[in-house]
Amino acid sequence: MNSDAWKAEIPSLEEHFAQFGRRLPARMKKQLDELKARLGV
């Protein structure tokens, strides 16, 4: 896994997820949070 590439992608993912607001499934938010934790972001 190229962690630098994933770190660079985080802001884009957050922006995309923000479009859904409260409609975003909690599991997807949790997965993003877990990814950020694994990457140390």
C-alpha atoms as a PDB file:
ATOM      1  CA  MET A   1       0.000   0.000   0.000  1.00  0.00           C
ATOM      2  CA  ASN A   2       1.343   3.400  -0.940  1.00  0.00           C
ATOM      3  CA  SER A   3       0.559   5.290   2.264  1.00  0.00           C
ATOM      4  CA  ASP A   4       1.692   8.638   0.849  1.00  0.00           C
ATOM      5  CA  ALA A   5      -0.816   8.320  -1.977  1.00  0.00           C
ATOM      6  CA  TRP A   6      -3.591   7.444   0.466  1.00  0.00           C
ATOM      7  CA  LYS A   7      -2.650  10.369   2.722  1.00  0.00           C
ATOM      8  CA  ALA A   8      -2.865  12.691  -0.267  1.00  0.00           C
ATOM      9  CA  GLU A   9      -6.304  11.284  -1.090  1.00  0.00           C
ATOM     10  CA  ILE A  10      -7.820  11.890   2.380  1.00  0.00           C
ATOM     11  CA  PRO A  11      -8.898  15.532   1.790  1.00  0.00           C
ATOM     12  CA  SER A  12     -10.621  14.516  -1.438  1.00  0.00           C
ATOM     13  CA  LEU A  13     -12.452  11.688   0.322  1.00  0.00           C
ATOM     14  CA  GLU A  14     -13.534  14.003   3.137  1.00  0.00           C
ATOM     15  CA  GLU A  15     -14.823  16.553   0.638  1.00  0.00           C
ATOM     16  CA  HIS A  16     -16.753  13.884  -1.238  1.00  0.00           C
ATOM     17  CA  PHE A  17     -18.247  12.432   1.946  1.00  0.00           C
ATOM     18  CA  ALA A  18     -19.230  15.927   3.136  1.00  0.00           C
ATOM     19  CA  GLN A  19     -21.588  16.216   0.167  1.00  0.00           C
ATOM     20  CA  PHE A  20     -23.792  13.586   1.794  1.00  0.00           C
ATOM     21  CA  GLY A  21     -23.990  15.267   5.181  1.00  0.00           C
ATOM     22  CA  ARG A  22     -26.100  13.304   7.650  1.00  0.00           C
ATOM     23  CA  ARG A  23     -27.145  10.884   4.893  1.00  0.00           C
ATOM     24  CA  LEU A  24     -23.649   9.361   4.830  1.00  0.00           C
ATOM     25  CA  PRO A  25     -23.825   5.915   6.417  1.00  0.00           C
ATOM     26  CA  ALA A  26     -22.089   5.866   9.799  1.00  0.00           C
ATOM     27  CA  ARG A  27     -20.091   2.818   8.712  1.00  0.00           C
ATOM     28  CA  MET A  28     -18.495   4.779   5.859  1.00  0.00           C
ATOM     29  CA  LYS A  29     -17.517   7.605   8.223  1.00  0.00           C
ATOM     30  CA  LYS A  30     -16.081   5.035  10.620  1.00  0.00           C
ATOM     31  CA  GLN A  31     -14.057   3.404   7.842  1.00  0.00           C
ATOM     32  CA  LEU A  32     -12.588   6.764   6.842  1.00  0.00           C
ATOM     33  CA  ASP A  33     -11.738   7.526  10.468  1.00  0.00           C
ATOM     34  CA  GLU A  34     -10.068   4.117  10.806  1.00  0.00           C
ATOM     35  CA  LEU A  35      -8.071   4.675   7.611  1.00  0.00           C
ATOM     36  CA  LYS A  36      -6.897   8.058   8.881  1.00  0.00           C
ATOM     37  CA  ALA A  37      -5.847   6.488  12.176  1.00  0.00           C
ATOM     38  CA  ARG A  38      -3.867   3.762  10.401  1.00  0.00           C
ATOM     39  CA  LEU A  39      -2.131   6.381   8.265  1.00  0.00           C
ATOM     40  CA  GLY A  40      -1.474   8.673  11.218  1.00  0.00           C
ATOM     41  CA  VAL A  41      -3.454  11.536   9.706  1.00  0.00           C
END
